[in-house]
């Protein structure tokens, strides 16, 4: 399934859930469960204050007018999605039946994390722990963790460089705990 990727479908603002239901019912009726895996309308809970000053939780859609679909694009799936009621188009398609461009992995990951589809990436080391750098310019060096930024998935490591402690900001994938 090398061609499996996330795509962005456009719909009328406020009709995202209707478009999602329409797509899901067509997946079922056209037996495309092996090619279209997930349909997602991102939502997040925000806190708003009423006129009286009371806190109120409100469910908002950070991407109004968009539905995200995890699928393999074939002629059949592409035809089915773009001809679904309430779907107005697909981002990355130049029109005229041209197949869309998938969403880059670095753009969909934060959206999936926000929706709880994938869990937060955990970093096994803590501040003060020694880590070994396994890729990049400082590969093979050992340093101490100074800060950890979970949202950016980066860690700041102090490396002994010519007798001085030098900070280096690295991605989680570039280090491992010693």
C-alpha atoms as a PDB file:
ATOM      1  CA  UNK A   1       0.000   0.000   0.000  1.00  0.00           C
ATOM      2  CA  UNK A   2       2.657   2.499  -1.037  1.00  0.00           C
ATOM      3  CA  UNK A   3       0.037   4.842  -2.489  1.00  0.00           C
ATOM      4  CA  UNK A   4      -1.894   5.197   0.783  1.00  0.00           C
ATOM      5  CA  UNK A   5      -1.898   8.827   1.927  1.00  0.00           C
ATOM      6  CA  UNK A   6      -4.020  11.593   3.424  1.00  0.00           C
ATOM      7  CA  UNK A   7      -5.945  13.920   1.112  1.00  0.00           C
ATOM      8  CA  UNK A   8      -7.938  17.080   1.801  1.00  0.00           C
ATOM      9  CA  UNK A   9     -11.500  17.253   0.498  1.00  0.00           C
ATOM     10  CA  UNK A  10     -13.253  20.620   0.331  1.00  0.00           C
ATOM     11  CA  UNK A  11     -16.896  21.036   1.254  1.00  0.00           C
ATOM     12  CA  UNK A  12     -19.273  23.814   2.161  1.00  0.00           C
ATOM     13  CA  UNK A  13     -18.412  25.398   5.515  1.00  0.00           C
ATOM     14  CA  UNK A  14     -20.653  23.910   8.177  1.00  0.00           C
ATOM     15  CA  UNK A  15     -21.347  20.801   6.081  1.00  0.00           C
ATOM     16  CA  UNK A  16     -18.193  18.873   6.992  1.00  0.00           C
ATOM     17  CA  UNK A  17     -19.993  16.198   9.036  1.00  0.00           C
ATOM     18  CA  UNK A  18     -22.635  15.738   6.314  1.00  0.00           C
ATOM     19  CA  UNK A  19     -19.901  15.290   3.699  1.00  0.00           C
ATOM     20  CA  UNK A  20     -18.147  12.818   6.021  1.00  0.00           C
ATOM     21  CA  UNK A  21     -21.344  10.780   6.475  1.00  0.00           C
ATOM     22  CA  UNK A  22     -21.984  10.823   2.707  1.00  0.00           C
ATOM     23  CA  UNK A  23     -18.443   9.613   1.970  1.00  0.00           C
ATOM     24  CA  UNK A  24     -18.657   6.896   4.641  1.00  0.00           C
ATOM     25  CA  UNK A  25     -22.010   5.624   3.335  1.00  0.00           C
ATOM     26  CA  UNK A  26     -20.632   5.501  -0.218  1.00  0.00           C
ATOM     27  CA  UNK A  27     -17.534   3.617   0.992  1.00  0.00           C
ATOM     28  CA  UNK A  28     -19.894   1.055   2.533  1.00  0.00           C
ATOM     29  CA  UNK A  29     -22.265   0.806  -0.431  1.00  0.00           C
ATOM     30  CA  UNK A  30     -19.485   0.645  -3.025  1.00  0.00           C
ATOM     31  CA  UNK A  31     -17.408  -1.792  -0.918  1.00  0.00           C
ATOM     32  CA  UNK A  32     -14.256   0.361  -0.845  1.00  0.00           C
ATOM     33  CA  UNK A  33     -13.146  -0.341   2.752  1.00  0.00           C
ATOM     34  CA  UNK A  34      -9.880  -1.801   1.467  1.00  0.00           C
ATOM     35  CA  UNK A  35      -8.992   1.457  -0.355  1.00  0.00           C
ATOM     36  CA  UNK A  36     -10.482   4.222   1.837  1.00  0.00           C
ATOM     37  CA  UNK A  37      -9.472   3.753   5.459  1.00  0.00           C
ATOM     38  CA  UNK A  38     -10.540   6.798   7.437  1.00  0.00           C
ATOM     39  CA  UNK A  39     -12.578   9.980   7.005  1.00  0.00           C
ATOM     40  CA  UNK A  40     -11.797  12.711   9.530  1.00  0.00           C
ATOM     41  CA  UNK A  41     -13.306  16.079  10.441  1.00  0.00           C
ATOM     42  CA  UNK A  42     -10.854  17.627  12.940  1.00  0.00           C
ATOM     43  CA  UNK A  43     -12.471  19.115  16.042  1.00  0.00           C
ATOM     44  CA  UNK A  44     -11.023  20.630  19.185  1.00  0.00           C
ATOM     45  CA  UNK A  45     -12.496  21.767  22.462  1.00  0.00           C
ATOM     46  CA  UNK A  46     -11.972  25.416  23.384  1.00  0.00           C
ATOM     47  CA  UNK A  47     -13.033  27.374  26.443  1.00  0.00           C
ATOM     48  CA  UNK A  48     -15.245  30.426  25.902  1.00  0.00           C
ATOM     49  CA  UNK A  49     -16.780  32.784  28.412  1.00  0.00           C
ATOM     50  CA  UNK A  50     -20.493  33.584  28.464  1.00  0.00           C
ATOM     51  CA  UNK A  51     -21.856  37.100  28.969  1.00  0.00           C
ATOM     52  CA  UNK A  52     -22.180  36.299  32.674  1.00  0.00           C
ATOM     53  CA  UNK A  53     -18.493  35.318  32.831  1.00  0.00           C
ATOM     54  CA  UNK A  54     -19.067  31.567  33.133  1.00  0.00           C
ATOM     55  CA  UNK A  55     -16.674  29.180  31.404  1.00  0.00           C
ATOM     56  CA  UNK A  56     -18.180  27.093  28.636  1.00  0.00           C
ATOM     57  CA  UNK A  57     -16.550  24.312  26.601  1.00  0.00           C
ATOM     58  CA  UNK A  58     -17.207  24.694  22.883  1.00  0.00           C
ATOM     59  CA  UNK A  59     -16.406  22.180  20.164  1.00  0.00           C
ATOM     60  CA  UNK A  60     -14.861  24.013  17.196  1.00  0.00           C
ATOM     61  CA  UNK A  61     -13.592  22.964  13.807  1.00  0.00           C
ATOM     62  CA  UNK A  62     -10.103  24.411  13.224  1.00  0.00           C
ATOM     63  CA  UNK A  63     -10.375  23.645   9.482  1.00  0.00           C
ATOM     64  CA  UNK A  64     -13.867  24.750   8.404  1.00  0.00           C
ATOM     65  CA  UNK A  65     -14.809  23.472   4.972  1.00  0.00           C
ATOM     66  CA  UNK A  66     -12.271  20.611   4.965  1.00  0.00           C
ATOM     67  CA  UNK A  67     -12.529  16.851   5.440  1.00  0.00           C
ATOM     68  CA  UNK A  68      -9.411  14.668   5.585  1.00  0.00           C
ATOM     69  CA  UNK A  69      -9.386  11.220   3.947  1.00  0.00           C
ATOM     70  CA  UNK A  70      -6.838   8.423   4.359  1.00  0.00           C
ATOM     71  CA  UNK A  71      -7.032   6.472   1.114  1.00  0.00           C
ATOM     72  CA  UNK A  72      -5.358   4.917  -1.886  1.00  0.00           C
ATOM     73  CA  UNK A  73      -6.195   6.978  -4.972  1.00  0.00           C
ATOM     74  CA  UNK A  74      -7.402   4.828  -7.844  1.00  0.00           C
ATOM     75  CA  UNK A  75      -9.713   5.833 -10.664  1.00  0.00           C
ATOM     76  CA  UNK A  76     -12.649   4.346  -8.723  1.00  0.00           C
ATOM     77  CA  UNK A  77     -11.913   5.962  -5.328  1.00  0.00           C
ATOM     78  CA  UNK A  78     -11.090   9.279  -6.937  1.00  0.00           C
ATOM     79  CA  UNK A  79     -14.356   9.255  -8.926  1.00  0.00           C
ATOM     80  CA  UNK A  80     -16.386   8.226  -5.867  1.00  0.00           C
ATOM     81  CA  UNK A  81     -14.971  10.934  -3.562  1.00  0.00           C
ATOM     82  CA  UNK A  82     -15.226  13.858  -5.956  1.00  0.00           C
ATOM     83  CA  UNK A  83     -18.789  12.908  -6.958  1.00  0.00           C
ATOM     84  CA  UNK A  84     -20.077  12.572  -3.383  1.00  0.00           C
ATOM     85  CA  UNK A  85     -22.847  15.014  -2.385  1.00  0.00           C
ATOM     86  CA  UNK A  86     -21.521  17.998  -0.374  1.00  0.00           C
ATOM     87  CA  UNK A  87     -17.961  17.516  -1.724  1.00  0.00           C
ATOM     88  CA  UNK A  88     -16.919  20.574  -3.711  1.00  0.00           C
ATOM     89  CA  UNK A  89     -13.421  19.461  -4.659  1.00  0.00           C
ATOM     90  CA  UNK A  90     -10.090  18.074  -3.515  1.00  0.00           C
ATOM     91  CA  UNK A  91      -7.054  20.171  -2.651  1.00  0.00           C
ATOM     92  CA  UNK A  92      -4.078  19.481  -4.870  1.00  0.00           C
ATOM     93  CA  UNK A  93      -6.142  18.587  -7.921  1.00  0.00           C
ATOM     94  CA  UNK A  94      -5.859  20.892 -10.875  1.00  0.00           C
ATOM     95  CA  UNK A  95      -9.346  19.985 -12.090  1.00  0.00           C
ATOM     96  CA  UNK A  96     -10.424  18.164 -15.193  1.00  0.00           C
ATOM     97  CA  UNK A  97     -10.189  14.816 -13.417  1.00  0.00           C
ATOM     98  CA  UNK A  98      -6.492  15.235 -12.510  1.00  0.00           C
ATOM     99  CA  UNK A  99      -5.664  13.157  -9.431  1.00  0.00           C
ATOM    100  CA  UNK A 100      -4.869  15.096  -6.233  1.00  0.00           C
ATOM    101  CA  UNK A 101      -1.543  15.537  -4.480  1.00  0.00           C
ATOM    102  CA  UNK A 102      -1.380  13.922  -1.022  1.00  0.00           C
ATOM    103  CA  UNK A 103      -0.846  15.953   2.141  1.00  0.00           C
ATOM    104  CA  UNK A 104       2.831  15.851   3.250  1.00  0.00           C
ATOM    105  CA  UNK A 105       3.463  13.717   6.339  1.00  0.00           C
ATOM    106  CA  UNK A 106       4.801  16.667   8.366  1.00  0.00           C
ATOM    107  CA  UNK A 107       1.538  18.558   7.794  1.00  0.00           C
ATOM    108  CA  UNK A 108      -0.890  15.751   8.667  1.00  0.00           C
ATOM    109  CA  UNK A 109       0.925  14.501  11.796  1.00  0.00           C
ATOM    110  CA  UNK A 110       0.025  17.515  14.030  1.00  0.00           C
ATOM    111  CA  UNK A 111      -3.604  17.327  12.843  1.00  0.00           C
ATOM    112  CA  UNK A 112      -3.822  13.608  13.661  1.00  0.00           C
ATOM    113  CA  UNK A 113      -2.223  14.240  17.071  1.00  0.00           C
ATOM    114  CA  UNK A 114      -4.695  17.062  17.795  1.00  0.00           C
ATOM    115  CA  UNK A 115      -7.618  14.740  16.968  1.00  0.00           C
ATOM    116  CA  UNK A 116      -6.216  11.864  19.030  1.00  0.00           C
ATOM    117  CA  UNK A 117      -5.860   9.584  16.006  1.00  0.00           C
ATOM    118  CA  UNK A 118      -2.191   9.058  16.867  1.00  0.00           C
ATOM    119  CA  UNK A 119      -0.712   9.432  20.328  1.00  0.00           C
ATOM    120  CA  UNK A 120       1.774  12.012  21.445  1.00  0.00           C
ATOM    121  CA  UNK A 121       5.293  11.048  20.550  1.00  0.00           C
ATOM    122  CA  UNK A 122       7.023  10.189  23.794  1.00  0.00           C
ATOM    123  CA  UNK A 123      10.653  10.952  24.491  1.00  0.00           C
ATOM    124  CA  UNK A 124      12.232   8.355  26.759  1.00  0.00           C
ATOM    125  CA  UNK A 125      14.981  10.525  28.264  1.00  0.00           C
ATOM    126  CA  UNK A 126      14.511  13.252  30.876  1.00  0.00           C
ATOM    127  CA  UNK A 127      16.319  16.518  31.537  1.00  0.00           C
ATOM    128  CA  UNK A 128      19.823  15.748  32.819  1.00  0.00           C
ATOM    129  CA  UNK A 129      20.009  12.291  31.182  1.00  0.00           C
ATOM    130  CA  UNK A 130      22.845  11.397  28.847  1.00  0.00           C
ATOM    131  CA  UNK A 131      21.927  10.714  25.227  1.00  0.00           C
ATOM    132  CA  UNK A 132      23.916   9.588  22.223  1.00  0.00           C
ATOM    133  CA  UNK A 133      23.443  11.393  18.920  1.00  0.00           C
ATOM    134  CA  UNK A 134      22.717   8.772  16.249  1.00  0.00           C
ATOM    135  CA  UNK A 135      22.497  10.982  13.137  1.00  0.00           C
ATOM    136  CA  UNK A 136      23.421  14.393  11.829  1.00  0.00           C
ATOM    137  CA  UNK A 137      26.580  16.506  12.182  1.00  0.00           C
ATOM    138  CA  UNK A 138      27.217  15.446  15.800  1.00  0.00           C
ATOM    139  CA  UNK A 139      26.706  11.716  15.190  1.00  0.00           C
ATOM    140  CA  UNK A 140      28.512   9.579  17.772  1.00  0.00           C
ATOM    141  CA  UNK A 141      28.732  12.375  20.371  1.00  0.00           C
ATOM    142  CA  UNK A 142      27.254  11.984  23.845  1.00  0.00           C
ATOM    143  CA  UNK A 143      25.597  14.901  25.599  1.00  0.00           C
ATOM    144  CA  UNK A 144      23.219  15.853  28.392  1.00  0.00           C
ATOM    145  CA  UNK A 145      19.576  16.751  27.807  1.00  0.00           C
ATOM    146  CA  UNK A 146      18.986  20.417  28.683  1.00  0.00           C
ATOM    147  CA  UNK A 147      15.389  20.935  27.458  1.00  0.00           C
ATOM    148  CA  UNK A 148      12.653  18.853  25.797  1.00  0.00           C
ATOM    149  CA  UNK A 149       9.991  20.375  23.513  1.00  0.00           C
ATOM    150  CA  UNK A 150       7.237  17.775  23.026  1.00  0.00           C
ATOM    151  CA  UNK A 151       5.170  19.900  20.604  1.00  0.00           C
ATOM    152  CA  UNK A 152       8.149  20.443  18.272  1.00  0.00           C
ATOM    153  CA  UNK A 153       9.568  16.955  18.959  1.00  0.00           C
ATOM    154  CA  UNK A 154      12.982  18.464  19.611  1.00  0.00           C
ATOM    155  CA  UNK A 155      15.507  18.134  22.399  1.00  0.00           C
ATOM    156  CA  UNK A 156      18.311  20.529  23.326  1.00  0.00           C
ATOM    157  CA  UNK A 157      21.497  18.631  24.153  1.00  0.00           C
ATOM    158  CA  UNK A 158      24.701  20.034  25.667  1.00  0.00           C
ATOM    159  CA  UNK A 159      27.685  18.524  23.850  1.00  0.00           C
ATOM    160  CA  UNK A 160      31.337  18.773  24.926  1.00  0.00           C
ATOM    161  CA  UNK A 161      32.843  20.497  21.901  1.00  0.00           C
ATOM    162  CA  UNK A 162      36.554  21.422  22.205  1.00  0.00           C
ATOM    163  CA  UNK A 163      36.284  21.618  25.992  1.00  0.00           C
ATOM    164  CA  UNK A 164      33.137  23.770  26.008  1.00  0.00           C
ATOM    165  CA  UNK A 165      29.537  22.746  26.479  1.00  0.00           C
ATOM    166  CA  UNK A 166      27.774  23.595  23.234  1.00  0.00           C
ATOM    167  CA  UNK A 167      23.967  23.377  22.891  1.00  0.00           C
ATOM    168  CA  UNK A 168      22.513  21.572  19.892  1.00  0.00           C
ATOM    169  CA  UNK A 169      18.814  21.355  19.050  1.00  0.00           C
ATOM    170  CA  UNK A 170      17.996  17.918  17.668  1.00  0.00           C
ATOM    171  CA  UNK A 171      14.907  15.979  16.625  1.00  0.00           C
ATOM    172  CA  UNK A 172      13.782  13.069  18.838  1.00  0.00           C
ATOM    173  CA  UNK A 173      14.784  10.651  16.076  1.00  0.00           C
ATOM    174  CA  UNK A 174      18.386  11.906  16.153  1.00  0.00           C
ATOM    175  CA  UNK A 175      19.131  10.823  19.728  1.00  0.00           C
ATOM    176  CA  UNK A 176      18.842   7.762  21.938  1.00  0.00           C
ATOM    177  CA  UNK A 177      19.198   7.379  25.701  1.00  0.00           C
ATOM    178  CA  UNK A 178      22.565   5.996  26.850  1.00  0.00           C
END
